[in-house]
């Protein structure tokens, strides 16, 4: 299972939100590029970048900062936030991104998702964020009437290669992954799932590892790394030992 550090970017800075609330922001670094260097030096095999301004506004806002990270990254990087056109996708892939994450666009414009999956097979993931079982979009600020699991299945049928599943109420709260919901989603899909939201300590990683057999192939970790309650090297070692 991949342990994937998250770098959330707002106003050019590395931040974390509490439960996706833009009013509850903690700044963890003035330069996200240096944060990326840190996680790479500690053994990360993949990075997760989110343009929070872009996610809320519907257009990339931190493009230059992301481009700088891609320039120095020696590992694969997945990017999300405000990506609503094929040109946005092509832009980031040209810069060097390995995987593109669609969120709002996957819900609002299924045709766009299908076209992206046809053009870049294997490189399109969807972010399924759930609040009370319902999918949330626009930087998680708007709840839709669609069940998160239904949206995930629709996205799989349109060609998505990965699903990133986040329980919003767990995100940034360090209360542990919603294991049951994550397990049920992974069982319902044929494509791999990346768990997100709630990792606090190494015990959370231990509890998540058995889900790898169900199709959960990665875990995104954020606040726990920045707050120091989880050591990245230890988490990676544990995950790699589980694979062995």
C-alpha atoms as a PDB file:
ATOM      1  CA  UNK A   1       0.000   0.000   0.000  1.00  0.00           C
ATOM      2  CA  UNK A   2       1.313   3.415  -0.953  1.00  0.00           C
ATOM      3  CA  UNK A   3       1.551   6.039   1.791  1.00  0.00           C
ATOM      4  CA  UNK A   4       0.958   9.314  -0.046  1.00  0.00           C
ATOM      5  CA  UNK A   5       1.750  12.676   1.589  1.00  0.00           C
ATOM      6  CA  UNK A   6      -0.710  15.448   0.790  1.00  0.00           C
ATOM      7  CA  UNK A   7       0.306  18.981  -0.076  1.00  0.00           C
ATOM      8  CA  UNK A   8      -2.728  21.255  -0.100  1.00  0.00           C
ATOM      9  CA  UNK A   9      -2.005  24.656  -1.603  1.00  0.00           C
ATOM     10  CA  UNK A  10      -3.919  27.854  -0.921  1.00  0.00           C
ATOM     11  CA  UNK A  11      -2.612  31.302  -1.735  1.00  0.00           C
ATOM     12  CA  UNK A  12       0.722  29.757  -2.657  1.00  0.00           C
ATOM     13  CA  UNK A  13       1.187  28.262   0.817  1.00  0.00           C
ATOM     14  CA  UNK A  14       0.983  24.740   2.210  1.00  0.00           C
ATOM     15  CA  UNK A  15      -2.123  24.514   4.401  1.00  0.00           C
ATOM     16  CA  UNK A  16      -4.527  22.022   5.927  1.00  0.00           C
ATOM     17  CA  UNK A  17      -8.245  22.544   6.373  1.00  0.00           C
ATOM     18  CA  UNK A  18     -10.401  21.055   9.120  1.00  0.00           C
ATOM     19  CA  UNK A  19     -13.223  18.954   7.624  1.00  0.00           C
ATOM     20  CA  UNK A  20     -12.837  20.812   4.333  1.00  0.00           C
ATOM     21  CA  UNK A  21     -13.799  24.132   5.943  1.00  0.00           C
ATOM     22  CA  UNK A  22     -11.959  27.029   4.286  1.00  0.00           C
ATOM     23  CA  UNK A  23     -12.549  29.095   7.424  1.00  0.00           C
ATOM     24  CA  UNK A  24     -10.557  26.617   9.510  1.00  0.00           C
ATOM     25  CA  UNK A  25      -7.134  26.735   7.930  1.00  0.00           C
ATOM     26  CA  UNK A  26      -3.717  26.009   9.399  1.00  0.00           C
ATOM     27  CA  UNK A  27      -0.617  27.137   7.488  1.00  0.00           C
ATOM     28  CA  UNK A  28       2.203  24.592   7.648  1.00  0.00           C
ATOM     29  CA  UNK A  29       4.656  26.076   5.178  1.00  0.00           C
ATOM     30  CA  UNK A  30       5.264  29.213   3.162  1.00  0.00           C
ATOM     31  CA  UNK A  31       6.809  27.254   0.276  1.00  0.00           C
ATOM     32  CA  UNK A  32       5.086  24.026  -0.829  1.00  0.00           C
ATOM     33  CA  UNK A  33       8.135  23.174  -2.954  1.00  0.00           C
ATOM     34  CA  UNK A  34      10.254  22.781   0.164  1.00  0.00           C
ATOM     35  CA  UNK A  35       7.532  20.622   1.722  1.00  0.00           C
ATOM     36  CA  UNK A  36       7.633  18.406  -1.368  1.00  0.00           C
ATOM     37  CA  UNK A  37      11.410  18.106  -1.062  1.00  0.00           C
ATOM     38  CA  UNK A  38      10.987  17.052   2.575  1.00  0.00           C
ATOM     39  CA  UNK A  39       8.515  14.244   1.863  1.00  0.00           C
ATOM     40  CA  UNK A  40      10.591  12.999  -1.081  1.00  0.00           C
ATOM     41  CA  UNK A  41      13.717  12.956   1.114  1.00  0.00           C
ATOM     42  CA  UNK A  42      11.823  10.899   3.696  1.00  0.00           C
ATOM     43  CA  UNK A  43      11.037   8.197   1.171  1.00  0.00           C
ATOM     44  CA  UNK A  44       7.640   9.100  -0.286  1.00  0.00           C
ATOM     45  CA  UNK A  45       6.891   7.168  -3.462  1.00  0.00           C
ATOM     46  CA  UNK A  46       4.018   9.393  -4.591  1.00  0.00           C
ATOM     47  CA  UNK A  47       2.753  12.925  -3.851  1.00  0.00           C
ATOM     48  CA  UNK A  48      -0.817  14.226  -3.710  1.00  0.00           C
ATOM     49  CA  UNK A  49      -1.202  17.908  -4.647  1.00  0.00           C
ATOM     50  CA  UNK A  50      -4.449  19.852  -4.331  1.00  0.00           C
ATOM     51  CA  UNK A  51      -5.064  23.408  -5.504  1.00  0.00           C
ATOM     52  CA  UNK A  52      -7.611  24.416  -2.862  1.00  0.00           C
ATOM     53  CA  UNK A  53      -8.274  27.806  -4.437  1.00  0.00           C
ATOM     54  CA  UNK A  54      -8.860  26.082  -7.750  1.00  0.00           C
ATOM     55  CA  UNK A  55     -11.170  23.492  -6.213  1.00  0.00           C
ATOM     56  CA  UNK A  56     -13.424  26.199  -4.849  1.00  0.00           C
ATOM     57  CA  UNK A  57     -13.203  28.622  -7.784  1.00  0.00           C
ATOM     58  CA  UNK A  58     -13.441  26.053 -10.580  1.00  0.00           C
ATOM     59  CA  UNK A  59     -10.210  27.050 -12.325  1.00  0.00           C
ATOM     60  CA  UNK A  60      -6.537  26.370 -11.461  1.00  0.00           C
ATOM     61  CA  UNK A  61      -5.160  29.112  -9.192  1.00  0.00           C
ATOM     62  CA  UNK A  62      -1.818  27.755  -7.982  1.00  0.00           C
ATOM     63  CA  UNK A  63      -0.546  26.522 -11.321  1.00  0.00           C
ATOM     64  CA  UNK A  64       2.929  28.030 -11.023  1.00  0.00           C
ATOM     65  CA  UNK A  65       3.534  26.581  -7.550  1.00  0.00           C
ATOM     66  CA  UNK A  66       2.456  23.155  -8.783  1.00  0.00           C
ATOM     67  CA  UNK A  67       4.672  23.501 -11.832  1.00  0.00           C
ATOM     68  CA  UNK A  68       7.649  24.224  -9.540  1.00  0.00           C
ATOM     69  CA  UNK A  69       6.925  21.079  -7.522  1.00  0.00           C
ATOM     70  CA  UNK A  70       6.667  18.958 -10.659  1.00  0.00           C
ATOM     71  CA  UNK A  71       9.990  20.332 -11.833  1.00  0.00           C
ATOM     72  CA  UNK A  72      11.841  19.056  -8.747  1.00  0.00           C
ATOM     73  CA  UNK A  73       9.813  15.891  -8.103  1.00  0.00           C
ATOM     74  CA  UNK A  74      11.693  12.643  -8.670  1.00  0.00           C
ATOM     75  CA  UNK A  75       8.565  10.584  -7.916  1.00  0.00           C
ATOM     76  CA  UNK A  76       5.070  10.409  -9.454  1.00  0.00           C
ATOM     77  CA  UNK A  77       2.645  13.188  -8.574  1.00  0.00           C
ATOM     78  CA  UNK A  78      -1.157  13.319  -8.747  1.00  0.00           C
ATOM     79  CA  UNK A  79      -2.912  16.686  -8.971  1.00  0.00           C
ATOM     80  CA  UNK A  80      -6.428  17.896  -8.304  1.00  0.00           C
ATOM     81  CA  UNK A  81      -8.311  21.115  -7.758  1.00  0.00           C
ATOM     82  CA  UNK A  82     -10.153  23.226 -10.320  1.00  0.00           C
ATOM     83  CA  UNK A  83      -9.431  20.943 -13.267  1.00  0.00           C
ATOM     84  CA  UNK A  84     -12.508  21.356 -15.452  1.00  0.00           C
ATOM     85  CA  UNK A  85     -11.251  21.223 -19.053  1.00  0.00           C
ATOM     86  CA  UNK A  86      -9.167  18.939 -21.256  1.00  0.00           C
ATOM     87  CA  UNK A  87      -6.716  21.817 -21.640  1.00  0.00           C
ATOM     88  CA  UNK A  88      -6.205  21.916 -17.850  1.00  0.00           C
ATOM     89  CA  UNK A  89      -5.452  18.189 -17.854  1.00  0.00           C
ATOM     90  CA  UNK A  90      -3.067  18.429 -20.791  1.00  0.00           C
ATOM     91  CA  UNK A  91      -1.327  21.364 -19.148  1.00  0.00           C
ATOM     92  CA  UNK A  92      -0.506  19.445 -15.963  1.00  0.00           C
ATOM     93  CA  UNK A  93       0.430  16.238 -17.784  1.00  0.00           C
ATOM     94  CA  UNK A  94       2.783  18.218 -20.008  1.00  0.00           C
ATOM     95  CA  UNK A  95       4.386  19.677 -16.873  1.00  0.00           C
ATOM     96  CA  UNK A  96       5.032  16.123 -15.670  1.00  0.00           C
ATOM     97  CA  UNK A  97       2.050  15.017 -13.586  1.00  0.00           C
ATOM     98  CA  UNK A  98       1.446  11.264 -13.518  1.00  0.00           C
ATOM     99  CA  UNK A  99      -2.221  11.304 -12.587  1.00  0.00           C
ATOM    100  CA  UNK A 100      -5.025  13.874 -12.713  1.00  0.00           C
ATOM    101  CA  UNK A 101      -7.798  13.997 -10.132  1.00  0.00           C
ATOM    102  CA  UNK A 102     -11.255  15.166 -11.171  1.00  0.00           C
ATOM    103  CA  UNK A 103     -13.844  16.061  -8.569  1.00  0.00           C
ATOM    104  CA  UNK A 104     -16.624  18.507  -9.355  1.00  0.00           C
ATOM    105  CA  UNK A 105     -16.272  17.928 -13.098  1.00  0.00           C
ATOM    106  CA  UNK A 106     -16.781  14.181 -12.646  1.00  0.00           C
ATOM    107  CA  UNK A 107     -20.164  14.887 -11.061  1.00  0.00           C
ATOM    108  CA  UNK A 108     -21.306  17.877 -13.107  1.00  0.00           C
ATOM    109  CA  UNK A 109     -20.054  16.785 -16.522  1.00  0.00           C
ATOM    110  CA  UNK A 110     -19.863  12.992 -17.022  1.00  0.00           C
ATOM    111  CA  UNK A 111     -19.150  13.501 -20.712  1.00  0.00           C
ATOM    112  CA  UNK A 112     -15.999  15.413 -19.840  1.00  0.00           C
ATOM    113  CA  UNK A 113     -14.872  12.617 -17.531  1.00  0.00           C
ATOM    114  CA  UNK A 114     -15.478  10.007 -20.228  1.00  0.00           C
ATOM    115  CA  UNK A 115     -13.558  12.066 -22.809  1.00  0.00           C
ATOM    116  CA  UNK A 116     -10.617  12.519 -20.428  1.00  0.00           C
ATOM    117  CA  UNK A 117     -10.501   8.796 -19.654  1.00  0.00           C
ATOM    118  CA  UNK A 118     -10.515   7.940 -23.357  1.00  0.00           C
ATOM    119  CA  UNK A 119      -7.738  10.390 -24.150  1.00  0.00           C
ATOM    120  CA  UNK A 120      -5.528   9.574 -21.141  1.00  0.00           C
ATOM    121  CA  UNK A 121      -6.333   5.992 -20.127  1.00  0.00           C
ATOM    122  CA  UNK A 122      -4.942   4.992 -16.758  1.00  0.00           C
ATOM    123  CA  UNK A 123      -4.177   8.574 -15.741  1.00  0.00           C
ATOM    124  CA  UNK A 124      -7.551   9.849 -14.539  1.00  0.00           C
ATOM    125  CA  UNK A 125      -8.672   9.464 -10.926  1.00  0.00           C
ATOM    126  CA  UNK A 126     -11.834  10.801  -9.325  1.00  0.00           C
ATOM    127  CA  UNK A 127     -12.127  12.338  -5.897  1.00  0.00           C
ATOM    128  CA  UNK A 128     -15.231  11.035  -4.164  1.00  0.00           C
ATOM    129  CA  UNK A 129     -15.756  13.136  -1.064  1.00  0.00           C
ATOM    130  CA  UNK A 130     -18.648  12.145   1.182  1.00  0.00           C
ATOM    131  CA  UNK A 131     -20.484  14.026   3.882  1.00  0.00           C
ATOM    132  CA  UNK A 132     -23.185  11.932   5.512  1.00  0.00           C
ATOM    133  CA  UNK A 133     -23.023   9.503   2.596  1.00  0.00           C
ATOM    134  CA  UNK A 134     -23.680  12.197  -0.027  1.00  0.00           C
ATOM    135  CA  UNK A 135     -21.088  13.340  -2.550  1.00  0.00           C
ATOM    136  CA  UNK A 136     -19.737  16.861  -2.032  1.00  0.00           C
ATOM    137  CA  UNK A 137     -18.222  19.087  -4.731  1.00  0.00           C
ATOM    138  CA  UNK A 138     -16.743  22.574  -5.300  1.00  0.00           C
ATOM    139  CA  UNK A 139     -13.902  22.075  -2.872  1.00  0.00           C
ATOM    140  CA  UNK A 140     -16.293  20.046  -0.682  1.00  0.00           C
ATOM    141  CA  UNK A 141     -18.347  23.193  -0.023  1.00  0.00           C
ATOM    142  CA  UNK A 142     -21.512  21.955  -1.765  1.00  0.00           C
ATOM    143  CA  UNK A 143     -23.360  18.745  -0.965  1.00  0.00           C
ATOM    144  CA  UNK A 144     -25.081  16.989  -3.863  1.00  0.00           C
ATOM    145  CA  UNK A 145     -28.187  14.772  -3.735  1.00  0.00           C
ATOM    146  CA  UNK A 146     -26.175  11.862  -5.171  1.00  0.00           C
ATOM    147  CA  UNK A 147     -24.861   9.116  -2.910  1.00  0.00           C
ATOM    148  CA  UNK A 148     -21.069   8.986  -2.913  1.00  0.00           C
ATOM    149  CA  UNK A 149     -21.048   5.274  -3.733  1.00  0.00           C
ATOM    150  CA  UNK A 150     -23.363   5.823  -6.712  1.00  0.00           C
ATOM    151  CA  UNK A 151     -21.073   8.537  -8.067  1.00  0.00           C
ATOM    152  CA  UNK A 152     -18.061   6.257  -7.662  1.00  0.00           C
ATOM    153  CA  UNK A 153     -19.722   3.481  -9.637  1.00  0.00           C
ATOM    154  CA  UNK A 154     -20.758   5.930 -12.366  1.00  0.00           C
ATOM    155  CA  UNK A 155     -17.206   7.217 -12.646  1.00  0.00           C
ATOM    156  CA  UNK A 156     -15.843   3.679 -12.908  1.00  0.00           C
ATOM    157  CA  UNK A 157     -18.276   2.937 -15.736  1.00  0.00           C
ATOM    158  CA  UNK A 158     -17.049   6.033 -17.574  1.00  0.00           C
ATOM    159  CA  UNK A 159     -13.442   4.895 -17.461  1.00  0.00           C
ATOM    160  CA  UNK A 160     -11.901   6.295 -14.274  1.00  0.00           C
ATOM    161  CA  UNK A 161      -8.842   4.275 -13.241  1.00  0.00           C
ATOM    162  CA  UNK A 162      -8.715   5.213  -9.547  1.00  0.00           C
ATOM    163  CA  UNK A 163     -11.066   6.465  -6.856  1.00  0.00           C
ATOM    164  CA  UNK A 164      -9.863   8.627  -3.983  1.00  0.00           C
ATOM    165  CA  UNK A 165     -12.395   8.299  -1.184  1.00  0.00           C
ATOM    166  CA  UNK A 166     -12.607  10.877   1.590  1.00  0.00           C
ATOM    167  CA  UNK A 167     -14.959  11.018   4.535  1.00  0.00           C
ATOM    168  CA  UNK A 168     -15.067  14.809   4.919  1.00  0.00           C
ATOM    169  CA  UNK A 169     -15.952  14.728   8.607  1.00  0.00           C
ATOM    170  CA  UNK A 170     -12.745  12.779   9.223  1.00  0.00           C
ATOM    171  CA  UNK A 171     -10.515  14.963   7.042  1.00  0.00           C
ATOM    172  CA  UNK A 172      -8.084  17.038   9.080  1.00  0.00           C
ATOM    173  CA  UNK A 173      -9.741  15.822  12.279  1.00  0.00           C
ATOM    174  CA  UNK A 174      -7.231  13.009  12.943  1.00  0.00           C
ATOM    175  CA  UNK A 175      -9.998  10.647  14.059  1.00  0.00           C
ATOM    176  CA  UNK A 176      -8.928   7.668  11.968  1.00  0.00           C
ATOM    177  CA  UNK A 177     -10.028   6.483   8.528  1.00  0.00           C
ATOM    178  CA  UNK A 178     -13.676   5.512   8.101  1.00  0.00           C
ATOM    179  CA  UNK A 179     -12.703   1.886   7.617  1.00  0.00           C
ATOM    180  CA  UNK A 180     -16.161   0.440   7.072  1.00  0.00           C
ATOM    181  CA  UNK A 181     -17.204   2.901   4.366  1.00  0.00           C
ATOM    182  CA  UNK A 182     -13.839   2.587   2.663  1.00  0.00           C
ATOM    183  CA  UNK A 183     -14.070  -1.205   2.713  1.00  0.00           C
ATOM    184  CA  UNK A 184     -17.604  -1.215   1.317  1.00  0.00           C
ATOM    185  CA  UNK A 185     -16.671   1.159  -1.495  1.00  0.00           C
ATOM    186  CA  UNK A 186     -13.621  -0.884  -2.450  1.00  0.00           C
ATOM    187  CA  UNK A 187     -15.738  -4.045  -2.558  1.00  0.00           C
ATOM    188  CA  UNK A 188     -18.281  -2.314  -4.811  1.00  0.00           C
ATOM    189  CA  UNK A 189     -15.675  -1.291  -7.401  1.00  0.00           C
ATOM    190  CA  UNK A 190     -13.280  -3.090  -9.717  1.00  0.00           C
ATOM    191  CA  UNK A 191     -10.765  -0.238  -9.797  1.00  0.00           C
ATOM    192  CA  UNK A 192      -8.366   0.532  -6.933  1.00  0.00           C
ATOM    193  CA  UNK A 193      -9.282   2.890  -4.112  1.00  0.00           C
ATOM    194  CA  UNK A 194      -7.070   5.364  -2.263  1.00  0.00           C
ATOM    195  CA  UNK A 195      -8.247   6.097   1.269  1.00  0.00           C
ATOM    196  CA  UNK A 196      -8.145   9.653   2.558  1.00  0.00           C
ATOM    197  CA  UNK A 197      -9.188  11.630   5.606  1.00  0.00           C
ATOM    198  CA  UNK A 198      -8.563  10.939   9.267  1.00  0.00           C
ATOM    199  CA  UNK A 199      -5.161   9.270   9.576  1.00  0.00           C
ATOM    200  CA  UNK A 200      -3.671  10.342  12.897  1.00  0.00           C
ATOM    201  CA  UNK A 201      -1.120   7.778  14.098  1.00  0.00           C
ATOM    202  CA  UNK A 202       0.712   4.649  13.009  1.00  0.00           C
ATOM    203  CA  UNK A 203      -2.146   2.648  14.526  1.00  0.00           C
ATOM    204  CA  UNK A 204      -4.437   4.058  11.826  1.00  0.00           C
ATOM    205  CA  UNK A 205      -2.059   2.751   9.174  1.00  0.00           C
ATOM    206  CA  UNK A 206      -2.027  -0.654  10.873  1.00  0.00           C
ATOM    207  CA  UNK A 207      -5.835  -0.766  10.859  1.00  0.00           C
ATOM    208  CA  UNK A 208      -5.949   0.204   7.186  1.00  0.00           C
ATOM    209  CA  UNK A 209      -3.447  -2.326   5.836  1.00  0.00           C
ATOM    210  CA  UNK A 210      -5.863  -5.315   5.845  1.00  0.00           C
ATOM    211  CA  UNK A 211      -8.048  -3.396   3.368  1.00  0.00           C
ATOM    212  CA  UNK A 212      -5.337  -3.745   0.741  1.00  0.00           C
ATOM    213  CA  UNK A 213      -6.725  -7.191   0.014  1.00  0.00           C
ATOM    214  CA  UNK A 214     -10.113  -5.532  -0.657  1.00  0.00           C
ATOM    215  CA  UNK A 215      -8.660  -3.153  -3.267  1.00  0.00           C
ATOM    216  CA  UNK A 216      -7.459  -0.211  -1.154  1.00  0.00           C
ATOM    217  CA  UNK A 217      -4.056   0.455  -2.681  1.00  0.00           C
ATOM    218  CA  UNK A 218      -3.054   3.713  -1.033  1.00  0.00           C
ATOM    219  CA  UNK A 219      -3.591   6.085   1.873  1.00  0.00           C
ATOM    220  CA  UNK A 220      -3.284   9.853   1.685  1.00  0.00           C
ATOM    221  CA  UNK A 221      -1.875  11.403   4.847  1.00  0.00           C
ATOM    222  CA  UNK A 222      -1.869  15.088   5.645  1.00  0.00           C
ATOM    223  CA  UNK A 223      -2.297  16.808   8.985  1.00  0.00           C
ATOM    224  CA  UNK A 224      -0.792  13.896  10.935  1.00  0.00           C
ATOM    225  CA  UNK A 225       2.518  14.412   9.107  1.00  0.00           C
ATOM    226  CA  UNK A 226       2.500  18.152   9.634  1.00  0.00           C
ATOM    227  CA  UNK A 227       1.455  17.908  13.280  1.00  0.00           C
ATOM    228  CA  UNK A 228       4.077  15.242  13.937  1.00  0.00           C
ATOM    229  CA  UNK A 229       1.729  12.506  15.167  1.00  0.00           C
ATOM    230  CA  UNK A 230       2.760  10.215  12.296  1.00  0.00           C
ATOM    231  CA  UNK A 231       6.285   9.546  11.059  1.00  0.00           C
ATOM    232  CA  UNK A 232       6.364   9.139   7.283  1.00  0.00           C
ATOM    233  CA  UNK A 233       9.363   6.816   7.232  1.00  0.00           C
ATOM    234  CA  UNK A 234       7.772   4.522   9.805  1.00  0.00           C
ATOM    235  CA  UNK A 235       4.468   4.432   7.913  1.00  0.00           C
ATOM    236  CA  UNK A 236       6.199   3.621   4.616  1.00  0.00           C
ATOM    237  CA  UNK A 237       8.304   0.883   6.240  1.00  0.00           C
ATOM    238  CA  UNK A 238       5.205  -0.695   7.770  1.00  0.00           C
ATOM    239  CA  UNK A 239       3.290  -0.587   4.476  1.00  0.00           C
ATOM    240  CA  UNK A 240       6.182  -2.085   2.525  1.00  0.00           C
ATOM    241  CA  UNK A 241       6.663  -4.836   5.103  1.00  0.00           C
ATOM    242  CA  UNK A 242       2.982  -5.697   4.778  1.00  0.00           C
ATOM    243  CA  UNK A 243       3.452  -6.163   1.029  1.00  0.00           C
ATOM    244  CA  UNK A 244       6.402  -8.448   1.648  1.00  0.00           C
END
